[in-house]
């Protein structure tokens, strides 16, 4: 089975609309609104037709097409330069370090700040793959390409793939650990909470490890977690589930399900994909 990525055309409105409906709503760059999608396709066609080498406020839409059947199985968008006609907001994860002389301890806390630092940059968005194709490994980043992107600082939303079978080479577990380690060197951070009621002090006394109740979290094979996501303890993320970047997962995620948001809510499920 072969696939190709090509520029979107106005005739792609029907399959694009079908993909948008599978998101379950809440997907800002891929709303299930036919007029909005038609306008995006027209804007994309104009962007591809524009002459010039300097980036501008263009939109480029791409389609993932099955070469044998002609079916559209995925889509993504590239924004040439964001922040031209309106502010482009993003989140900055910063660390505040403080020291208590009385306790003799250093405390580090991460803060999430709304910024416009990325204005003028290009953006990849609207990335959506048909649920039936995810289990086959489509959309996963190849090992060599991932290493290069991480080393060059090009990947800021890395999907941490919990399935060594999809990685090149026999030593899949070691490769997975390497990718996670490299991801931590960039901004692709995923936080796993291991205590339901975390506190630094109790009754004026600094707590120790003996005061914590560690609750495990389970991530099944093939699950993908977007950068900046926070996973609460006691949660099970099912096989081939997908967690959106920045999501806060407070409940179990079913196999093949896509969730995003704060708190994370379902956008699509494997069952929805099979019904279409």
Protein backbone atom coordinates (compact mmCIF):
# COMPACT_ATOMS: atom_id res chain seq x y z
CA UNK A 1 0.00 0.00 0.00
CA UNK A 2 1.48 3.34 -1.08
CA UNK A 3 0.61 6.88 -0.04
CA UNK A 4 1.58 10.30 -1.30
CA UNK A 5 1.36 13.79 0.13
CA UNK A 6 0.11 16.39 -2.34
CA UNK A 7 -1.25 19.92 -2.36
CA UNK A 8 -4.93 20.17 -1.49
CA UNK A 9 -7.34 21.10 -4.27
CA UNK A 10 -10.84 22.61 -4.19
CA UNK A 11 -12.24 19.20 -5.22
CA UNK A 12 -10.99 17.78 -1.92
CA UNK A 13 -13.74 19.52 0.04
CA UNK A 14 -15.80 16.37 0.61
CA UNK A 15 -13.04 14.12 2.02
CA UNK A 16 -11.65 17.07 3.99
CA UNK A 17 -15.07 17.67 5.50
CA UNK A 18 -15.35 13.97 6.36
CA UNK A 19 -12.00 14.11 8.16
CA UNK A 20 -13.06 17.23 10.04
CA UNK A 21 -16.17 15.46 11.32
CA UNK A 22 -13.99 12.66 12.70
CA UNK A 23 -12.15 15.10 14.99
CA UNK A 24 -15.23 15.29 17.19
CA UNK A 25 -15.10 19.10 17.36
CA UNK A 26 -12.75 21.52 19.09
CA UNK A 27 -10.05 21.23 16.41
CA UNK A 28 -9.33 24.92 15.75
CA UNK A 29 -7.58 24.50 12.38
CA UNK A 30 -9.92 21.78 11.11
CA UNK A 31 -13.50 22.71 12.05
CA UNK A 32 -16.38 20.62 10.77
CA UNK A 33 -17.77 23.64 8.91
CA UNK A 34 -17.99 23.27 5.14
CA UNK A 35 -17.86 27.02 4.28
CA UNK A 36 -14.77 27.50 6.48
CA UNK A 37 -13.02 24.53 4.88
CA UNK A 38 -13.90 25.78 1.38
CA UNK A 39 -12.35 29.15 2.25
CA UNK A 40 -9.22 27.37 3.50
CA UNK A 41 -8.90 25.41 0.26
CA UNK A 42 -9.25 28.60 -1.78
CA UNK A 43 -6.65 30.35 0.37
CA UNK A 44 -4.30 27.37 0.00
CA UNK A 45 -4.65 27.37 -3.78
CA UNK A 46 -3.82 31.08 -3.81
CA UNK A 47 -0.79 30.44 -1.60
CA UNK A 48 0.61 27.77 -3.89
CA UNK A 49 0.03 30.04 -6.90
CA UNK A 50 1.69 33.11 -5.38
CA UNK A 51 5.10 34.03 -6.78
CA UNK A 52 7.92 35.12 -4.53
CA UNK A 53 10.40 33.60 -2.12
CA UNK A 54 9.73 35.62 1.04
CA UNK A 55 7.28 34.11 3.57
CA UNK A 56 3.91 35.76 3.89
CA UNK A 57 0.53 35.16 5.47
CA UNK A 58 -0.07 32.17 3.17
CA UNK A 59 -1.78 28.90 4.00
CA UNK A 60 -0.66 25.65 2.43
CA UNK A 61 -2.90 22.61 2.83
CA UNK A 62 -1.73 19.07 2.09
CA UNK A 63 -3.59 15.79 1.67
CA UNK A 64 -2.42 12.24 2.36
CA UNK A 65 -3.75 10.17 -0.53
CA UNK A 66 -3.84 6.41 -1.03
CA UNK A 67 -2.23 6.00 -4.45
CA UNK A 68 -4.13 2.80 -5.25
CA UNK A 69 -7.65 3.86 -4.19
CA UNK A 70 -7.42 7.65 -4.36
CA UNK A 71 -8.89 7.90 -0.85
CA UNK A 72 -7.84 10.82 1.34
CA UNK A 73 -6.55 9.46 4.66
CA UNK A 74 -5.07 12.52 6.32
CA UNK A 75 -4.35 16.23 6.08
CA UNK A 76 -2.09 18.94 7.47
CA UNK A 77 -1.55 22.68 7.07
CA UNK A 78 1.47 24.97 6.96
CA UNK A 79 1.09 28.66 7.78
CA UNK A 80 3.79 30.66 6.00
CA UNK A 81 4.18 33.35 8.65
CA UNK A 82 2.02 33.76 11.73
CA UNK A 83 1.23 37.00 13.51
CA UNK A 84 0.98 39.22 10.43
CA UNK A 85 -2.56 40.50 10.84
CA UNK A 86 -3.34 39.46 14.42
CA UNK A 87 -1.39 38.43 17.55
CA UNK A 88 -0.16 34.84 17.56
CA UNK A 89 -0.23 33.49 21.08
CA UNK A 90 1.83 30.59 22.39
CA UNK A 91 2.80 29.23 25.78
CA UNK A 92 6.26 29.48 27.31
CA UNK A 93 7.28 26.96 29.98
CA UNK A 94 9.68 28.70 32.34
CA UNK A 95 11.29 27.63 35.63
CA UNK A 96 11.37 29.73 38.81
CA UNK A 97 14.09 28.71 41.29
CA UNK A 98 13.87 29.76 44.95
CA UNK A 99 15.89 28.83 48.04
CA UNK A 100 14.73 28.57 51.63
CA UNK A 101 17.63 29.30 54.00
CA UNK A 102 15.56 28.08 56.95
CA UNK A 103 14.87 24.70 55.38
CA UNK A 104 18.14 24.52 53.50
CA UNK A 105 16.31 23.48 50.33
CA UNK A 106 16.07 24.73 46.77
CA UNK A 107 12.64 24.65 45.13
CA UNK A 108 12.03 24.80 41.39
CA UNK A 109 8.57 25.42 39.97
CA UNK A 110 7.51 25.52 36.35
CA UNK A 111 5.19 28.27 35.13
CA UNK A 112 3.11 28.50 31.96
CA UNK A 113 3.12 32.00 30.45
CA UNK A 114 1.14 33.35 27.50
CA UNK A 115 3.50 35.01 24.99
CA UNK A 116 3.71 36.29 21.40
CA UNK A 117 7.39 35.35 20.98
CA UNK A 118 6.78 33.20 17.89
CA UNK A 119 5.31 35.93 15.68
CA UNK A 120 6.88 35.82 12.23
CA UNK A 121 7.52 32.07 12.41
CA UNK A 122 6.02 29.36 10.25
CA UNK A 123 3.56 26.96 11.86
CA UNK A 124 2.48 23.39 11.18
CA UNK A 125 -1.13 22.80 12.19
CA UNK A 126 -4.34 21.03 11.30
CA UNK A 127 -2.53 17.68 11.36
CA UNK A 128 -5.07 14.84 11.37
CA UNK A 129 -4.77 11.21 10.37
CA UNK A 130 -7.76 8.92 9.82
CA UNK A 131 -8.14 6.72 12.93
CA UNK A 132 -8.04 3.53 10.85
CA UNK A 133 -4.57 4.39 9.57
CA UNK A 134 -2.93 5.10 12.93
CA UNK A 135 -2.75 1.48 14.04
CA UNK A 136 -0.67 0.69 10.94
CA UNK A 137 2.07 3.07 12.00
CA UNK A 138 1.35 5.87 9.51
CA UNK A 139 2.24 9.31 10.79
CA UNK A 140 5.03 8.08 13.05
CA UNK A 141 8.37 9.78 12.76
CA UNK A 142 11.18 7.66 11.35
CA UNK A 143 14.13 7.03 13.62
CA UNK A 144 16.82 8.68 11.49
CA UNK A 145 14.63 11.70 10.76
CA UNK A 146 13.65 12.03 14.41
CA UNK A 147 17.27 11.98 15.58
CA UNK A 148 18.23 14.63 13.04
CA UNK A 149 15.26 16.85 13.89
CA UNK A 150 15.94 16.63 17.61
CA UNK A 151 19.63 17.37 17.21
CA UNK A 152 18.86 20.39 15.03
CA UNK A 153 16.21 21.69 17.43
CA UNK A 154 13.51 21.39 14.79
CA UNK A 155 11.08 19.22 16.75
CA UNK A 156 9.07 20.95 19.45
CA UNK A 157 6.03 18.69 19.40
CA UNK A 158 7.48 15.21 19.35
CA UNK A 159 5.17 12.22 19.62
CA UNK A 160 6.69 9.85 22.12
CA UNK A 161 5.84 6.47 20.59
CA UNK A 162 5.32 3.73 23.16
CA UNK A 163 5.77 0.96 20.59
CA UNK A 164 9.36 -0.17 19.92
CA UNK A 165 8.10 -2.42 17.10
CA UNK A 166 7.66 0.66 14.90
CA UNK A 167 11.24 1.81 15.43
CA UNK A 168 14.09 0.78 13.20
CA UNK A 169 16.52 -1.83 14.52
CA UNK A 170 16.12 -4.76 16.86
CA UNK A 171 16.88 -2.84 20.07
CA UNK A 172 13.59 -0.95 20.09
CA UNK A 173 13.41 -0.33 23.84
CA UNK A 174 16.86 1.30 23.93
CA UNK A 175 15.96 3.43 20.92
CA UNK A 176 12.74 4.56 22.59
CA UNK A 177 14.70 5.60 25.70
CA UNK A 178 17.14 7.52 23.51
CA UNK A 179 14.34 9.41 21.79
CA UNK A 180 12.71 10.29 25.10
CA UNK A 181 16.05 11.53 26.43
CA UNK A 182 16.60 13.68 23.34
CA UNK A 183 13.04 15.00 23.56
CA UNK A 184 13.70 16.20 27.09
CA UNK A 185 16.57 18.26 25.76
CA UNK A 186 14.08 20.23 23.64
CA UNK A 187 10.72 21.67 24.68
CA UNK A 188 8.87 18.40 24.02
CA UNK A 189 8.11 17.70 27.67
CA UNK A 190 5.55 15.25 29.00
CA UNK A 191 4.76 15.27 32.73
CA UNK A 192 3.56 12.18 34.60
CA UNK A 193 2.02 12.97 38.00
CA UNK A 194 2.65 10.13 40.47
CA UNK A 195 0.85 11.43 43.59
CA UNK A 196 -2.87 12.25 43.81
CA UNK A 197 -2.40 14.84 46.57
CA UNK A 198 1.09 16.35 46.20
CA UNK A 199 2.12 18.79 48.93
CA UNK A 200 5.49 20.23 49.89
CA UNK A 201 4.61 20.66 53.57
CA UNK A 202 2.10 19.31 56.10
CA UNK A 203 1.44 21.00 59.48
CA UNK A 204 4.50 23.18 58.89
CA UNK A 205 6.75 20.15 58.36
CA UNK A 206 8.59 19.53 55.12
CA UNK A 207 7.30 16.30 53.64
CA UNK A 208 9.59 13.45 52.63
CA UNK A 209 9.22 10.49 50.28
CA UNK A 210 7.63 8.56 53.14
CA UNK A 211 4.64 10.95 53.00
CA UNK A 212 3.92 10.31 49.32
CA UNK A 213 1.66 7.65 47.91
CA UNK A 214 2.94 6.75 44.46
CA UNK A 215 0.16 5.72 42.06
CA UNK A 216 1.26 4.08 38.78
CA UNK A 217 0.21 5.15 35.29
CA UNK A 218 -0.07 2.72 32.37
CA UNK A 219 0.74 3.64 28.73
CA UNK A 220 -0.12 0.83 26.32
CA UNK A 221 1.65 -0.11 23.09
CA UNK A 222 1.40 2.34 20.19
CA UNK A 223 0.10 5.24 22.28
CA UNK A 224 1.39 8.72 21.31
CA UNK A 225 1.66 11.69 23.68
CA UNK A 226 2.04 15.26 22.42
CA UNK A 227 4.53 17.70 23.92
CA UNK A 228 3.63 19.54 27.10
CA UNK A 229 0.95 17.02 28.08
CA UNK A 230 0.35 16.24 31.76
CA UNK A 231 -0.85 12.75 32.73
CA UNK A 232 -2.42 12.33 36.16
CA UNK A 233 -1.60 9.19 38.13
CA UNK A 234 -3.81 6.12 38.01
CA UNK A 235 -4.67 6.71 34.36
CA UNK A 236 -4.46 4.05 31.64
CA UNK A 237 -3.77 5.22 28.07
CA UNK A 238 -4.96 2.52 25.66
CA UNK A 239 -3.22 1.04 22.64
CA UNK A 240 -2.73 3.47 19.72
CA UNK A 241 -4.44 6.27 21.62
CA UNK A 242 -3.28 9.82 20.85
CA UNK A 243 -2.89 12.63 23.39
CA UNK A 244 -2.87 16.18 22.02
CA UNK A 245 -0.05 18.59 22.86
CA UNK A 246 -0.65 20.43 26.14
CA UNK A 247 -3.52 18.16 27.19
CA UNK A 248 -4.20 17.38 30.85
CA UNK A 249 -5.34 13.77 31.03
CA UNK A 250 -7.45 13.06 34.13
CA UNK A 251 -9.27 9.90 33.00
CA UNK A 252 -8.54 6.68 31.16
CA UNK A 253 -8.15 6.98 27.38
CA UNK A 254 -9.68 4.13 25.37
CA UNK A 255 -7.66 2.23 22.72
CA UNK A 256 -7.48 4.20 19.45
CA UNK A 257 -9.04 7.28 21.02
CA UNK A 258 -7.82 10.84 20.41
CA UNK A 259 -8.12 13.34 23.26
CA UNK A 260 -7.04 16.96 23.70
CA UNK A 261 -7.72 20.00 25.84
CA UNK A 262 -7.77 20.91 29.54
CA UNK A 263 -9.10 18.67 30.87
CA UNK A 264 -8.62 16.26 27.96
CA UNK A 265 -11.79 15.40 26.08
CA UNK A 266 -12.41 12.92 23.30
CA UNK A 267 -12.00 14.22 19.75
CA UNK A 268 -12.25 10.92 17.88
CA UNK A 269 -12.31 7.19 18.53
CA UNK A 270 -11.40 4.05 16.61
CA UNK A 271 -15.08 3.14 16.51
CA UNK A 272 -15.96 6.45 14.84
CA UNK A 273 -13.31 5.79 12.19
CA UNK A 274 -14.67 2.32 11.41
CA UNK A 275 -18.17 3.66 10.99
CA UNK A 276 -17.24 5.97 8.13
